Every structure is written in structure tokens, then in C-alpha cells.
Amino acid sequence: MLVYLRLLKESFGFAMNALRNNKLRTLLSLLGVTIGIFSIIAVLAAVDSLDRKITKDLSSLDKNTIYLMKFSFGPSDIPQWKREQFPNVKYDEYTYMKGAMTNTDQMGYQIFTRRESIKYDSKTVSDVNIVPASHELIDIQGLEFEKGRFYNESEANSGTTVVVLGNEIAKSLFEGSEPIGKNIRLYGKRFTVIGVLKKQGAGLFGDSDDTSAFIPVNFVRQLYGDNNTSLVNVIIFKPQEGVDMDAYKGEISQKLRSFRGLKAGEIDNFFINVFSGFTDLIDGILGQMNLVGWVISGFSLLVGGFGIANIMFVSVKERTNLIGIQKSLGAKNRFILFQFLFEAIILSVIGGVIGLLLVWVIALVVTKALDFEFVLGMGNIFLGTGLAALIGLISGILPAIAASKLDPVEAIRTGM
């Protein structure tokens, strides 16, 4: 064991000498490993950070949550021209389904509409994401409040002019003063602020509850009517825990087909989108990002491996005399082999560590510059270090074997 520790120490010394004596050559050779480790670990860290962000943002939603609407979350076999003819889901369908469906924990109704401006005194906040929804949304999305409350069933049904503001919207309008009970202007009407949500941070696709305003869905229905083609309506189902999802979707389809009077043989003119299907789509995208990262880094690591092998072959040539002396003094082939292998691994790990340091710096910069936590986890650090060591091991095998098989007499004569 002590012999191998001494070997490791000597190999580290040789690696440092290579860096000191041939700085440019060694650094250029290590560049491939550095770029390769940087590429793969940067991608893996970005994907892990994004996955952590997605999990956090979507943690309040049940994976079995269903969105019933005229559009599909993913690709569809139905031609686009036919999908464009599908009708919007209606509020009366929501009230019917609410009374007809079984095994349902919560059911809500939401309208996707355009962004608007909100005014308070002389202050205006533009590009606000308006969320007209029924009162059940608080339980479906698990909204958390900094102060105040969500609107109740009576306020939602009557379309009362009350509003719940996202954290950033409230701060921009009121700048530290008490928002609850104040009147803001939206759609040319006065809305009373009844609640402010807790700060959430940037959302998955840029949007966030921080920059949203929630209002009773029936206010927008009264304003635009039920047949406005610029709006997209959705009925949200939160099934009870343990429900057979295929049977539950079948019940939704059967009830809505019956309500719409669709005949046997006619296709569904609506889509039942399960939230887990959306998360599966995201997982697929993240998996493709990982694959691209591995492919890009693979080429860099290949170049880096040739660079390490080149350094080691040069090192064998430069130290031929020393190898001959070591062997003449009784050093075994295995000793020489491990000496050069350790040196190759150490050089490669140095390149890998430089790559990891670059990822760490970028993680700090991105986290500070953006409202996004870019994390370089210990798992990725160990992976990067291990990968660099493996590249060094593979690249150093041939030079190490060549060194270990040198004839001591010939080596001493050649080195003189």
C-alpha cells in the first residue's frame, strides 16, 4: 500500500513538472478535457436545476389533475383544421359536470385571456397576467397568501369586482403600503384588493403568480360573453386519490358527449389533458437536453483523451533514461505502468477540475443575475471528476504499457 502511495506522490510530482516546464503544450492538451467536462457538467447541472425548479413550481398540483379544453397539451392525430372547429368548453358544461361527475375532489373553471394593465392612483403596471377563475382554484393550485384571502363562492358566482394580486404586482402598485381594501382599476372598473399571494419566483415558462391577478370568472363572462373566440376556457378536474384514471377520463368523455349530443361514431370535439402527460413531455425534453450534452462533450473528451495520450507519449520519450535506471535498480514493469497511469489520471483530473470551476463560476453568475437557482450538486461534481479520471486512465494505458515494456539497457543507452 505504501508503495502505491509513493507512486501516487511521484506521479503527482511528474504531472506538476509537466505543467511547469511545458505550460502551453500541457494546457492546450488539457483543454479538450476541460471543455468536455465543462460541457457535460454544465448541461447536467442546468437540467438538474431546471428539474428542481419544475418540481418546486408544480408541487402544488396533483399529477392527475385534468384540463378539459378545446386544445391538446401534446401532438394529436386529429387534423389541425378539424381541431380549430372544436367549440370552447362552456360555463354551463362546468356546472353540469360538477353535478354529474363522481370521484371528484375539486372542479374549477378558468378562462385564459389577454394581458391587461392595472392602475392605482398615478401608478400603472402593464402586461399583467389576468386569471379569471372560479373559487375552487385556490384548492386546485394550492395558492398561498402573504395577506388577505381568496374570493368565495358567492363572490365568484356573482362576478363581484374583487381581486387577488401576485406579490410583485402588489409591491409595484402599493410600494410597501397596505394593499388590502384598496381599489385598483382594471377593465375600466374598480376592483377591491382582498388578497396578496406569497412570493413565488420566476415560473416555468417565464410567467409566475407574482405577476398575475386573480378575479372571479363570471366577471369576465359578463364582460365578454360565452362565445368570444379570443378566449380559451378550461374545466379543471382534481380526482379523488386512488381513482382509476382511465375510468375517470372515460366518465368525463361520456358525460360531456352526452351533454353535447354527440352521436356514436362521432369523434370527441374536446381534449382531456392529464397533467402527468404534460410533465412526461417536459421529462422527455430534459432527457433530450441531457443526450445533446453528452454528445457535444463526447467529442471534446475524445480530443482531450488524445491530448493526454500525446503528453504521456512525450513524457515517456523524455524520461526513457530514468525508466531504464529505475528498471535496472529492480523496478518492476507494474511499478512503471502504474507510475505513468497515475500521472495521466492526475493530468486529466486537473483539466476536469478546471472545467468544474468554470461551471461553478457560471452557476454563481446565473443565480445572481436571474431569478433562477443554478445549482452544481455534489453528484455532478463526483461525476465530472470520475469522468476525467476515466479519460486519463484510458488515454494513459498505451503510453504506460510502452514505458513498462522498455528494455532497461536499451532505455539507458537511448536516453544518453
Protein backbone atom coordinates (compact mmCIF):
# COMPACT_ATOMS: atom_id res chain seq x y z
CA MET A 1 0.00 0.00 0.00
CA LEU A 2 2.85 2.39 0.92
CA VAL A 3 4.49 1.66 -2.42
CA TYR A 4 1.38 2.77 -4.30
CA LEU A 5 1.08 5.92 -2.17
CA ARG A 6 4.70 6.73 -3.03
CA LEU A 7 3.92 6.04 -6.67
CA LEU A 8 0.96 8.45 -6.49
CA LYS A 9 3.17 11.12 -4.93
CA GLU A 10 5.87 10.71 -7.59
CA SER A 11 3.26 10.75 -10.38
CA PHE A 12 1.79 13.96 -8.96
CA GLY A 13 5.28 15.46 -8.97
CA PHE A 14 5.85 14.46 -12.61
CA ALA A 15 2.45 15.92 -13.57
CA MET A 16 3.28 19.23 -11.89
CA ASN A 17 6.69 19.27 -13.65
CA ALA A 18 4.92 18.78 -16.98
CA LEU A 19 2.69 21.76 -16.20
CA ARG A 20 5.63 23.94 -15.10
CA ASN A 21 8.09 23.02 -17.82
CA ASN A 22 5.74 22.81 -20.79
CA LYS A 23 2.89 25.15 -19.79
CA LEU A 24 1.47 25.91 -23.23
CA ARG A 25 1.71 22.35 -24.57
CA THR A 26 0.20 20.82 -21.43
CA LEU A 27 -2.60 23.38 -21.10
CA LEU A 28 -3.57 23.03 -24.76
CA SER A 29 -3.65 19.26 -24.35
CA LEU A 30 -5.80 19.54 -21.21
CA LEU A 31 -8.16 21.98 -22.96
CA GLY A 32 -10.15 19.15 -24.54
CA VAL A 33 -10.80 17.51 -21.16
CA THR A 34 -11.67 20.90 -19.63
CA ILE A 35 -14.17 21.72 -22.39
CA GLY A 36 -15.63 18.21 -22.32
CA ILE A 37 -16.17 18.15 -18.56
CA PHE A 38 -17.44 21.74 -18.65
CA SER A 39 -19.94 20.89 -21.42
CA ILE A 40 -21.45 17.79 -19.85
CA ILE A 41 -21.49 19.04 -16.25
CA ALA A 42 -22.90 22.44 -17.29
CA VAL A 43 -25.73 20.72 -19.18
CA LEU A 44 -26.39 18.19 -16.39
CA ALA A 45 -26.33 20.95 -13.74
CA ALA A 46 -28.68 23.10 -15.85
CA VAL A 47 -31.07 20.19 -16.37
CA ASP A 48 -30.95 19.28 -12.66
CA SER A 49 -31.60 22.90 -11.69
CA LEU A 50 -34.45 23.16 -14.19
CA ASP A 51 -35.91 19.87 -12.96
CA ARG A 52 -35.70 21.13 -9.36
CA LYS A 53 -37.42 24.37 -10.41
CA ILE A 54 -40.18 22.49 -12.26
CA THR A 55 -40.75 20.16 -9.31
CA LYS A 56 -40.99 23.15 -6.96
CA ASP A 57 -43.34 25.11 -9.25
CA LEU A 58 -45.61 22.15 -9.91
CA SER A 59 -45.51 20.60 -6.43
CA SER A 60 -48.87 22.15 -5.52
CA LEU A 61 -50.58 20.46 -8.47
CA ASP A 62 -51.68 16.85 -8.41
CA LYS A 63 -50.16 14.90 -11.32
CA ASN A 64 -53.64 13.50 -12.00
CA THR A 65 -55.16 16.97 -12.46
CA ILE A 66 -57.14 17.04 -15.73
CA TYR A 67 -57.64 20.02 -18.06
CA LEU A 68 -60.72 19.69 -20.27
CA MET A 69 -60.47 22.11 -23.21
CA LYS A 70 -60.52 22.51 -26.99
CA PHE A 71 -56.72 22.15 -27.29
CA SER A 72 -54.33 19.28 -26.63
CA PHE A 73 -51.19 19.52 -24.49
CA GLY A 74 -49.31 17.29 -26.92
CA PRO A 75 -49.46 16.07 -30.53
CA SER A 76 -52.81 14.85 -31.86
CA ASP A 77 -53.94 12.52 -34.66
CA ILE A 78 -56.82 14.88 -35.44
CA PRO A 79 -56.08 17.29 -38.34
CA GLN A 80 -55.48 20.90 -37.34
CA TRP A 81 -58.36 22.25 -39.46
CA LYS A 82 -60.72 19.96 -37.59
CA ARG A 83 -59.31 20.87 -34.17
CA GLU A 84 -59.80 24.55 -34.96
CA GLN A 85 -63.52 23.88 -35.31
CA PHE A 86 -63.82 22.45 -31.80
CA PRO A 87 -66.02 24.59 -29.53
CA ASN A 88 -64.79 26.16 -26.31
CA VAL A 89 -65.96 24.46 -23.15
CA LYS A 90 -68.79 26.48 -21.60
CA TYR A 91 -69.67 27.52 -18.09
CA ASP A 92 -72.96 25.59 -18.23
CA GLU A 93 -70.93 22.47 -19.08
CA TYR A 94 -68.84 23.14 -15.98
CA THR A 95 -71.95 23.42 -13.78
CA TYR A 96 -73.40 20.26 -15.36
CA MET A 97 -70.19 18.26 -14.94
CA LYS A 98 -69.86 19.46 -11.36
CA GLY A 99 -73.18 17.86 -10.52
CA ALA A 100 -72.76 14.79 -12.72
CA MET A 101 -69.18 13.64 -12.06
CA THR A 102 -68.29 11.15 -9.34
CA ASN A 103 -64.99 10.55 -7.51
CA THR A 104 -64.05 14.24 -7.85
CA ASP A 105 -62.21 16.14 -5.13
CA GLN A 106 -62.34 19.60 -6.78
CA MET A 107 -63.57 21.01 -10.08
CA GLY A 108 -62.94 24.55 -11.30
CA TYR A 109 -63.45 26.77 -14.32
CA GLN A 110 -60.81 29.11 -15.73
CA ILE A 111 -60.53 31.43 -18.72
CA PHE A 112 -57.25 32.17 -20.49
CA THR A 113 -57.42 35.77 -21.63
CA ARG A 114 -55.10 38.54 -22.80
CA ARG A 115 -52.84 40.57 -20.55
CA GLU A 116 -54.05 43.87 -19.15
CA SER A 117 -52.83 46.95 -17.28
CA ILE A 118 -53.74 47.66 -13.65
CA LYS A 119 -53.84 51.19 -12.20
CA TYR A 120 -53.72 52.54 -8.67
CA ASP A 121 -53.68 56.31 -8.25
CA SER A 122 -50.87 57.52 -10.56
CA LYS A 123 -49.16 54.13 -10.80
CA THR A 124 -49.71 51.68 -13.64
CA VAL A 125 -48.47 48.11 -14.03
CA SER A 126 -48.66 46.77 -17.57
CA ASP A 127 -48.59 43.27 -19.03
CA VAL A 128 -50.34 41.68 -16.05
CA ASN A 129 -51.43 38.06 -16.45
CA ILE A 130 -55.16 38.12 -15.66
CA VAL A 131 -56.52 34.83 -14.29
CA PRO A 132 -60.35 34.72 -14.31
CA ALA A 133 -61.23 31.58 -12.35
CA SER A 134 -63.87 30.03 -10.13
CA HIS A 135 -63.39 29.94 -6.36
CA GLU A 136 -62.07 26.33 -6.39
CA LEU A 137 -58.76 27.42 -7.94
CA ILE A 138 -57.25 28.13 -4.50
CA ASP A 139 -57.55 24.43 -3.60
CA ILE A 140 -56.64 23.08 -7.04
CA GLN A 141 -53.41 25.11 -7.30
CA GLY A 142 -52.65 25.31 -3.59
CA LEU A 143 -52.29 29.11 -3.60
CA GLU A 144 -50.54 30.54 -0.53
CA PHE A 145 -51.20 34.01 0.84
CA GLU A 146 -48.98 36.68 2.31
CA LYS A 147 -52.08 38.53 3.48
CA GLY A 148 -55.81 38.56 2.88
CA ARG A 149 -57.87 35.80 1.27
CA PHE A 150 -59.22 34.35 -1.97
CA TYR A 151 -62.72 35.20 -3.17
CA ASN A 152 -65.51 32.89 -2.01
CA GLU A 153 -68.18 31.00 -3.99
CA SER A 154 -70.74 33.80 -3.70
CA GLU A 155 -68.28 36.42 -4.99
CA ALA A 156 -67.17 34.13 -7.82
CA ASN A 157 -70.71 33.29 -8.93
CA SER A 158 -71.92 36.92 -8.89
CA GLY A 159 -68.79 38.25 -10.61
CA THR A 160 -68.00 40.64 -7.76
CA THR A 161 -65.25 43.16 -8.57
CA VAL A 162 -62.66 41.82 -6.14
CA VAL A 163 -59.07 40.91 -6.99
CA VAL A 164 -56.20 38.85 -5.56
CA LEU A 165 -52.80 40.23 -6.57
CA GLY A 166 -49.49 38.50 -7.16
CA ASN A 167 -46.65 39.60 -4.91
CA GLU A 168 -44.75 41.66 -7.50
CA ILE A 169 -47.89 43.41 -8.73
CA ALA A 170 -48.83 44.41 -5.18
CA LYS A 171 -45.31 45.74 -4.48
CA SER A 172 -45.23 47.75 -7.72
CA LEU A 173 -48.63 49.33 -7.10
CA PHE A 174 -48.50 49.98 -3.36
CA GLU A 175 -44.75 50.22 -2.64
CA GLY A 176 -44.93 48.99 0.95
CA SER A 177 -48.30 50.48 1.91
CA GLU A 178 -51.23 48.26 2.92
CA PRO A 179 -52.96 46.90 -0.23
CA ILE A 180 -55.92 45.12 1.39
CA GLY A 181 -59.13 47.09 0.95
CA LYS A 182 -57.64 49.46 -1.65
CA ASN A 183 -59.33 49.95 -5.03
CA ILE A 184 -57.45 49.40 -8.28
CA ARG A 185 -58.72 49.91 -11.84
CA LEU A 186 -58.97 47.02 -14.25
CA TYR A 187 -61.15 46.71 -17.37
CA GLY A 188 -62.27 50.27 -16.62
CA LYS A 189 -63.83 49.12 -13.33
CA ARG A 190 -62.89 49.49 -9.68
CA PHE A 191 -61.72 46.26 -8.07
CA THR A 192 -61.18 45.87 -4.34
CA VAL A 193 -57.96 44.11 -3.33
CA ILE A 194 -58.82 41.27 -0.94
CA GLY A 195 -55.60 39.25 -1.00
CA VAL A 196 -51.89 39.20 -1.87
CA LEU A 197 -50.10 35.93 -2.70
CA LYS A 198 -46.76 34.83 -1.25
CA LYS A 199 -43.74 35.44 -3.47
CA GLN A 200 -43.23 32.52 -5.82
CA GLY A 201 -40.30 33.46 -8.07
CA ALA A 202 -39.99 33.01 -11.83
CA GLY A 203 -42.33 30.42 -13.27
CA LEU A 204 -41.56 27.51 -15.57
CA PHE A 205 -42.20 29.43 -18.82
CA GLY A 206 -41.46 32.94 -17.57
CA ASP A 207 -44.96 33.51 -16.17
CA SER A 208 -45.49 33.49 -12.44
CA ASP A 209 -48.24 34.04 -9.92
CA ASP A 210 -46.12 37.01 -8.78
CA THR A 211 -47.11 38.88 -11.94
CA SER A 212 -50.73 37.66 -12.04
CA ALA A 213 -54.06 38.97 -10.84
CA PHE A 214 -56.95 36.60 -9.98
CA ILE A 215 -60.52 37.74 -10.49
CA PRO A 216 -63.94 35.97 -10.41
CA VAL A 217 -64.51 34.16 -13.69
CA ASN A 218 -68.10 35.38 -14.00
CA PHE A 219 -66.96 38.99 -14.22
CA VAL A 220 -65.14 38.17 -17.47
CA ARG A 221 -68.10 36.13 -18.70
CA GLN A 222 -70.37 39.12 -18.12
CA LEU A 223 -67.87 41.36 -19.90
CA TYR A 224 -67.14 39.23 -22.98
CA GLY A 225 -69.94 36.67 -23.08
CA ASP A 226 -69.54 32.92 -23.52
CA ASN A 227 -68.91 32.87 -27.28
CA ASN A 228 -65.82 35.06 -27.53
CA THR A 229 -63.35 33.22 -29.76
CA SER A 230 -60.35 35.18 -28.41
CA LEU A 231 -60.74 33.45 -25.03
CA VAL A 232 -59.83 29.87 -24.17
CA ASN A 233 -61.92 28.20 -21.48
CA VAL A 234 -60.93 25.19 -19.44
CA ILE A 235 -62.62 22.94 -16.87
CA ILE A 236 -60.12 21.67 -14.30
CA PHE A 237 -60.73 18.34 -12.54
CA LYS A 238 -58.91 17.15 -9.44
CA PRO A 239 -59.94 13.50 -8.98
CA GLN A 240 -60.03 11.80 -5.61
CA GLU A 241 -56.90 9.94 -4.58
CA GLY A 242 -56.65 6.36 -5.83
CA VAL A 243 -59.15 6.78 -8.66
CA ASP A 244 -58.70 4.66 -11.80
CA MET A 245 -57.65 7.41 -14.23
CA ASP A 246 -58.72 5.59 -17.39
CA ALA A 247 -62.19 5.04 -15.94
CA TYR A 248 -62.32 8.64 -14.72
CA LYS A 249 -61.39 10.01 -18.16
CA GLY A 250 -63.96 7.68 -19.70
CA GLU A 251 -66.61 9.12 -17.39
CA ILE A 252 -65.67 12.71 -18.38
CA SER A 253 -65.86 11.80 -22.07
CA GLN A 254 -69.19 10.00 -21.70
CA LYS A 255 -70.81 12.81 -19.67
CA LEU A 256 -69.64 15.62 -21.96
CA ARG A 257 -70.52 13.72 -25.16
CA SER A 258 -73.99 13.18 -23.75
CA PHE A 259 -74.34 16.85 -22.82
CA ARG A 260 -73.18 17.99 -26.28
CA GLY A 261 -75.36 15.45 -28.06
CA LEU A 262 -72.52 13.74 -29.92
CA LYS A 263 -73.64 10.61 -31.73
CA ALA A 264 -71.93 7.21 -31.76
CA GLY A 265 -69.12 7.24 -34.31
CA GLU A 266 -68.51 10.99 -33.99
CA ILE A 267 -65.13 11.92 -32.58
CA ASP A 268 -64.72 13.82 -29.31
CA ASN A 269 -64.66 17.55 -30.04
CA PHE A 270 -62.63 18.22 -26.90
CA PHE A 271 -59.37 17.10 -25.31
CA ILE A 272 -58.87 15.52 -21.89
CA ASN A 273 -55.36 16.59 -20.90
CA VAL A 274 -53.88 14.85 -17.88
CA PHE A 275 -51.24 16.93 -16.10
CA SER A 276 -48.90 13.92 -15.81
CA GLY A 277 -48.80 13.83 -19.62
CA PHE A 278 -47.51 17.40 -19.59
CA THR A 279 -44.82 16.54 -17.03
CA ASP A 280 -43.86 13.47 -19.09
CA LEU A 281 -43.42 15.78 -22.10
CA ILE A 282 -41.12 18.02 -20.06
CA ASP A 283 -39.16 14.99 -18.81
CA GLY A 284 -38.68 13.94 -22.44
CA ILE A 285 -37.33 17.39 -23.35
CA LEU A 286 -34.95 17.32 -20.37
CA GLY A 287 -33.79 13.84 -21.41
CA GLN A 288 -33.04 15.11 -24.94
CA MET A 289 -31.08 18.03 -23.45
CA ASN A 290 -29.01 15.53 -21.45
CA LEU A 291 -28.37 13.48 -24.58
CA VAL A 292 -27.24 16.54 -26.56
CA GLY A 293 -24.91 17.49 -23.69
CA TRP A 294 -23.33 14.02 -23.70
CA VAL A 295 -22.88 14.06 -27.50
CA ILE A 296 -21.24 17.51 -27.51
CA SER A 297 -19.00 16.71 -24.56
CA GLY A 298 -18.14 13.31 -26.04
CA PHE A 299 -16.29 14.93 -28.96
CA SER A 300 -14.43 17.28 -26.60
CA LEU A 301 -13.48 14.40 -24.29
CA LEU A 302 -12.25 12.41 -27.29
CA VAL A 303 -9.98 15.29 -28.29
CA GLY A 304 -8.92 15.68 -24.65
CA GLY A 305 -8.09 11.99 -24.46
CA PHE A 306 -5.79 12.25 -27.48
CA GLY A 307 -4.20 15.31 -25.84
CA ILE A 308 -3.48 13.39 -22.63
CA ALA A 309 -2.10 10.43 -24.62
CA ASN A 310 0.16 12.82 -26.56
CA ILE A 311 1.52 14.33 -23.32
CA MET A 312 2.22 10.88 -21.91
CA PHE A 313 3.99 9.59 -25.04
CA VAL A 314 6.21 12.69 -24.97
CA SER A 315 6.78 12.12 -21.24
CA VAL A 316 7.83 8.51 -21.89
CA LYS A 317 10.31 9.67 -24.52
CA GLU A 318 11.73 12.42 -22.28
CA ARG A 319 12.13 10.04 -19.32
CA THR A 320 13.43 6.98 -21.20
CA ASN A 321 16.79 7.20 -19.40
CA LEU A 322 15.09 7.49 -15.99
CA ILE A 323 12.88 4.50 -16.78
CA GLY A 324 15.94 2.47 -17.70
CA ILE A 325 17.70 3.39 -14.42
CA GLN A 326 14.56 2.54 -12.39
CA LYS A 327 14.28 -0.86 -14.07
CA SER A 328 17.99 -1.58 -13.67
CA LEU A 329 17.60 -0.91 -9.93
CA GLY A 330 14.82 -3.51 -9.71
CA ALA A 331 11.65 -1.57 -10.52
CA LYS A 332 9.05 -3.99 -11.88
CA ASN A 333 7.03 -3.43 -15.05
CA ARG A 334 3.92 -3.00 -12.90
CA PHE A 335 5.60 -0.15 -10.97
CA ILE A 336 6.42 1.76 -14.18
CA LEU A 337 2.94 1.04 -15.59
CA PHE A 338 1.15 2.45 -12.55
CA GLN A 339 3.51 5.43 -12.37
CA PHE A 340 2.50 6.61 -15.85
CA LEU A 341 -1.15 5.68 -15.41
CA PHE A 342 -1.38 7.74 -12.22
CA GLU A 343 0.31 10.65 -13.98
CA ALA A 344 -2.18 10.52 -16.87
CA ILE A 345 -5.12 10.36 -14.44
CA ILE A 346 -3.79 13.30 -12.40
CA LEU A 347 -3.31 15.45 -15.51
CA SER A 348 -6.81 14.60 -16.76
CA VAL A 349 -8.38 15.30 -13.35
CA ILE A 350 -6.64 18.70 -13.30
CA GLY A 351 -8.33 19.50 -16.63
CA GLY A 352 -11.64 18.24 -15.27
CA VAL A 353 -11.35 20.33 -12.10
CA ILE A 354 -10.77 23.46 -14.21
CA GLY A 355 -13.96 22.62 -16.13
CA LEU A 356 -15.89 22.16 -12.87
CA LEU A 357 -14.59 25.50 -11.56
CA LEU A 358 -15.89 27.20 -14.73
CA VAL A 359 -19.33 25.62 -14.21
CA TRP A 360 -19.30 26.77 -10.56
CA VAL A 361 -18.48 30.36 -11.59
CA ILE A 362 -21.25 30.35 -14.21
CA ALA A 363 -23.68 28.93 -11.63
CA LEU A 364 -22.91 31.83 -9.29
CA VAL A 365 -23.30 34.42 -12.06
CA VAL A 366 -26.58 32.96 -13.39
CA THR A 367 -28.07 32.65 -9.88
CA LYS A 368 -27.22 36.28 -9.11
CA ALA A 369 -28.24 37.70 -12.50
CA LEU A 370 -31.51 35.76 -12.90
CA ASP A 371 -34.30 34.75 -10.58
CA PHE A 372 -33.24 31.14 -11.06
CA GLU A 373 -31.21 28.93 -8.74
CA PHE A 374 -28.47 27.26 -10.81
CA VAL A 375 -27.04 24.51 -8.62
CA LEU A 376 -23.85 22.49 -9.11
CA GLY A 377 -24.63 19.45 -6.98
CA MET A 378 -22.13 17.07 -5.38
CA GLY A 379 -23.37 14.27 -7.62
CA ASN A 380 -22.33 16.19 -10.74
CA ILE A 381 -19.00 17.17 -9.14
CA PHE A 382 -18.22 13.50 -8.43
CA LEU A 383 -19.41 12.54 -11.93
CA GLY A 384 -17.17 15.16 -13.56
CA THR A 385 -14.15 14.14 -11.50
CA GLY A 386 -14.75 10.44 -12.14
CA LEU A 387 -15.24 11.01 -15.85
CA ALA A 388 -11.99 12.98 -16.06
CA ALA A 389 -10.16 10.19 -14.19
CA LEU A 390 -11.61 7.59 -16.58
CA ILE A 391 -10.47 9.60 -19.61
CA GLY A 392 -6.99 9.82 -18.06
CA LEU A 393 -6.95 6.09 -17.39
CA ILE A 394 -7.97 5.16 -20.93
CA SER A 395 -5.64 7.72 -22.53
CA GLY A 396 -2.68 6.68 -20.39
CA ILE A 397 -2.89 2.93 -20.93
CA LEU A 398 -0.91 2.73 -24.20
CA PRO A 399 1.88 5.13 -23.12
CA ALA A 400 2.11 3.35 -19.73
CA ILE A 401 2.36 -0.07 -21.38
CA ALA A 402 5.01 1.25 -23.77
CA ALA A 403 7.03 2.62 -20.82
CA SER A 404 6.71 -0.58 -18.78
CA LYS A 405 7.97 -2.74 -21.65
CA LEU A 406 11.15 -0.76 -22.30
CA ASP A 407 14.36 -2.75 -22.09
CA PRO A 408 16.45 -1.20 -19.27
CA VAL A 409 19.79 -1.40 -21.15
CA GLU A 410 18.30 -0.04 -24.36
CA ALA A 411 16.47 2.66 -22.41
CA ILE A 412 19.64 3.87 -20.68
CA ARG A 413 21.58 3.84 -23.96
CA THR A 414 18.78 5.69 -25.80
CA GLY A 415 18.46 8.30 -23.06
CA MET A 416 22.20 9.11 -23.05
